[in-house]
Structures are given as C-alpha cells and as structure tokens.
Amino acid sequence: MGLGAFTPKTEKVEIPGGEFTVRGLSLEDFTVLLREHYQPAKAIFDRYVTEGTIDALDQAANGDSPLGLSRVHDVLLEAIEAAPALIGDAIARAADETDNPHLARLLPAGVQIEAIQKIVTLTLEAEGGLEKLVETVIKLAGSLTDLTASRSP
C-alpha cells in the first residue's frame, strides 16, 4: 500500500436540488486560505486562540472540562460576519471546487454553516484533535508572517 491508497474521509452536504461532499482541510488548503484572507483570518484566529483555546487546553490538561468544539459555533458566526469570502472559499476547497469558489459563497447561510461544521469536524479528526490543529495553524501563520515581513521594503 502506498500513498495512492489514501482517501480523505468525506461528508455529504444537502443543497436545494442535490448534494455535494466535503473533506477536512489540508495544509495546502490552510496555506492558500491564509494567503488569500490573511487579515480577517488572523483577526479571528488571534481572538479565539489567545482568548479561548489556550484556556480550554489548560482546562482539558487539568481534567476540568473535555476539550471539544464548544467555541467553534462562536468562531463560525464571527467568520460569517467578518469574512464571508473566507467561509465560501473554505467550502469550495473542501469540496474540491476551486475553479469557481464564488458558487460556494452563494449557498444559503444554513447550508454554509452545515458545510463548515462538517469541514471543521473532519479537519479535527484528520489532524488528531484541536490542540494539534492549533499548533499546525500557529506554525503556518508564523511562517507566512515571517515571509511577508521579509518581502516588505
């Protein structure tokens, strides 16, 4: 068995007149999304990672509460308001429909929320949990910040 045997887990999302499938986001997906939507993604990430995720990780480590998706709903609502294009583009990438991400942005709000929830769940499962995903995104965002700073005049 080689790499060709790998197939990402997917979930179906119902849309008026049909359905489409989404998968978890990969490192390439995060890189593209961060490059294209750096400012709104950074603002949302900074707010929720610095304010909530680290506290949640500490609580989980101490056995105070299980680490789960409790804050994902808040993040999604803020992202929909502050960065609707980021949401649409994330859905398009997870559906492997990157040729016209605008279509994902036109989906009804309820469909977008359902799709993003499934994408987040699949991404967390693939990454091995919230803590590992946060570590990956922090490293990636730091690398992109360093790269951007080195290109500035």
Protein backbone atom coordinates (compact mmCIF):
# COMPACT_ATOMS: atom_id res chain seq x y z
CA MET A 1 0.00 0.00 0.00
CA GLY A 2 1.25 3.41 -0.89
CA LEU A 3 0.10 6.98 -0.83
CA GLY A 4 -2.34 6.22 -3.64
CA ALA A 5 -4.39 4.19 -1.16
CA PHE A 6 -5.17 7.30 0.91
CA THR A 7 -8.66 8.69 0.53
CA PRO A 8 -9.75 11.51 2.83
CA LYS A 9 -12.93 10.93 4.78
CA THR A 10 -15.86 12.95 3.41
CA GLU A 11 -19.34 14.02 4.47
CA LYS A 12 -22.33 14.89 2.31
CA VAL A 13 -23.99 18.29 2.48
CA GLU A 14 -27.53 18.64 1.17
CA ILE A 15 -28.30 21.58 -1.12
CA PRO A 16 -31.51 22.51 -2.91
CA GLY A 17 -31.66 20.12 -5.82
CA GLY A 18 -28.81 17.84 -4.79
CA GLU A 19 -25.78 17.40 -2.59
CA PHE A 20 -22.02 17.80 -2.54
CA THR A 21 -19.26 16.29 -0.43
CA VAL A 22 -16.65 17.99 1.73
CA ARG A 23 -13.43 16.76 3.29
CA GLY A 24 -11.23 18.13 6.03
CA LEU A 25 -8.83 20.92 5.15
CA SER A 26 -5.22 20.04 4.38
CA LEU A 27 -2.04 22.02 4.96
CA GLU A 28 -2.21 23.26 1.36
CA ASP A 29 -5.80 24.43 1.92
CA PHE A 30 -4.81 26.36 5.06
CA THR A 31 -1.86 27.92 3.26
CA VAL A 32 -3.99 29.12 0.34
CA LEU A 33 -6.78 30.38 2.61
CA LEU A 34 -4.35 32.24 4.86
CA ARG A 35 -2.64 33.85 1.87
CA GLU A 36 -5.91 34.96 0.31
CA HIS A 37 -7.67 36.02 3.52
CA TYR A 38 -4.80 36.80 5.87
CA GLN A 39 -6.19 39.80 7.75
CA PRO A 40 -9.68 38.51 8.60
CA ALA A 41 -8.35 35.00 9.29
CA LYS A 42 -5.62 36.39 11.56
CA ALA A 43 -8.09 38.57 13.47
CA ILE A 44 -10.47 35.70 14.08
CA PHE A 45 -7.68 33.24 14.88
CA ASP A 46 -5.94 35.65 17.27
CA ARG A 47 -9.16 36.40 19.10
CA TYR A 48 -10.23 32.82 19.63
CA VAL A 49 -6.85 31.17 20.09
CA THR A 50 -5.49 33.73 22.51
CA GLU A 51 -8.75 34.26 24.38
CA GLY A 52 -10.25 30.81 24.47
CA THR A 53 -8.34 27.90 23.07
CA ILE A 54 -5.34 28.16 25.36
CA ASP A 55 -7.64 28.34 28.39
CA ALA A 56 -9.60 25.35 27.07
CA LEU A 57 -6.37 23.41 26.52
CA ASP A 58 -5.27 24.20 30.09
CA GLN A 59 -8.65 23.11 31.46
CA ALA A 60 -8.53 19.88 29.47
CA ALA A 61 -4.98 19.16 30.66
CA ASN A 62 -6.13 19.63 34.25
CA GLY A 63 -9.19 17.45 33.69
CA ASP A 64 -11.56 20.37 34.37
CA SER A 65 -13.51 20.02 31.14
CA PRO A 66 -13.34 17.99 27.97
CA LEU A 67 -11.70 19.70 25.02
CA GLY A 68 -14.13 19.80 22.15
CA LEU A 69 -15.90 22.03 19.66
CA SER A 70 -17.61 24.29 22.20
CA ARG A 71 -16.22 27.52 20.72
CA VAL A 72 -16.46 26.52 17.06
CA HIS A 73 -20.00 27.91 16.86
CA ASP A 74 -18.80 31.35 18.04
CA VAL A 75 -15.88 31.29 15.61
CA LEU A 76 -18.17 30.33 12.72
CA LEU A 77 -20.66 33.10 13.46
CA GLU A 78 -17.91 35.70 13.64
CA ALA A 79 -16.26 34.37 10.48
CA ILE A 80 -19.56 34.51 8.59
CA GLU A 81 -19.97 38.13 9.62
CA ALA A 82 -16.35 39.28 9.27
CA ALA A 83 -15.08 37.09 6.44
CA PRO A 84 -17.86 35.58 4.32
CA ALA A 85 -15.48 35.13 1.38
CA LEU A 86 -13.17 33.07 3.62
CA ILE A 87 -16.10 30.78 4.52
CA GLY A 88 -17.08 30.35 0.87
CA ASP A 89 -13.51 29.70 -0.20
CA ALA A 90 -13.00 27.15 2.60
CA ILE A 91 -16.15 25.32 1.49
CA ALA A 92 -15.00 25.38 -2.15
CA ARG A 93 -11.57 23.99 -1.20
CA ALA A 94 -13.06 21.26 0.99
CA ALA A 95 -15.43 20.33 -1.86
CA ASP A 96 -12.51 20.36 -4.34
CA GLU A 97 -14.37 23.00 -6.36
CA THR A 98 -11.66 25.66 -6.52
CA ASP A 99 -12.32 26.73 -10.11
CA ASN A 100 -15.29 28.85 -9.06
CA PRO A 101 -15.32 29.47 -5.30
CA HIS A 102 -17.93 32.17 -5.84
CA LEU A 103 -20.58 29.42 -6.11
CA ALA A 104 -19.87 28.30 -2.54
CA ARG A 105 -20.32 31.90 -1.40
CA LEU A 106 -23.83 31.88 -2.91
CA LEU A 107 -25.02 28.88 -0.91
CA PRO A 108 -27.79 29.57 1.61
CA ALA A 109 -26.44 30.50 5.05
CA GLY A 110 -27.77 27.33 6.66
CA VAL A 111 -26.01 25.18 4.07
CA GLN A 112 -22.76 27.10 4.58
CA ILE A 113 -22.96 26.62 8.34
CA GLU A 114 -23.66 22.89 7.96
CA ALA A 115 -20.80 22.53 5.48
CA ILE A 116 -18.31 24.41 7.68
CA GLN A 117 -19.30 22.39 10.74
CA LYS A 118 -18.65 19.18 8.83
CA ILE A 119 -15.37 20.53 7.45
CA VAL A 120 -14.19 21.52 10.94
CA THR A 121 -15.10 18.11 12.35
CA LEU A 122 -13.35 16.27 9.50
CA THR A 123 -10.29 18.52 9.82
CA LEU A 124 -10.06 17.96 13.57
CA GLU A 125 -10.39 14.19 13.12
CA ALA A 126 -7.67 14.16 10.46
CA GLU A 127 -5.32 16.37 12.48
CA GLY A 128 -5.74 14.41 15.69
CA GLY A 129 -7.70 17.00 17.66
CA LEU A 130 -7.97 20.70 18.33
CA GLU A 131 -4.61 21.08 20.05
CA LYS A 132 -2.65 19.63 17.12
CA LEU A 133 -4.65 21.67 14.60
CA VAL A 134 -4.00 24.88 16.55
CA GLU A 135 -0.27 24.09 16.69
CA THR A 136 -0.20 23.50 12.93
CA VAL A 137 -2.05 26.72 12.11
CA ILE A 138 0.10 28.76 14.54
CA LYS A 139 3.27 27.47 12.85
CA LEU A 140 1.85 28.11 9.40
CA ALA A 141 0.64 31.63 10.26
CA GLY A 142 4.04 32.42 11.80
CA SER A 143 5.81 31.23 8.68
CA LEU A 144 3.57 33.33 6.46
CA THR A 145 4.05 36.38 8.71
CA ASP A 146 7.85 35.96 8.55
CA LEU A 147 7.72 35.53 4.78
CA THR A 148 5.54 38.63 4.37
CA ALA A 149 7.84 40.68 6.63
CA SER A 150 10.93 39.60 4.71
CA ARG A 151 9.35 40.75 1.43
CA SER A 152 8.41 44.20 2.77
CA PRO A 153 10.58 47.11 1.55
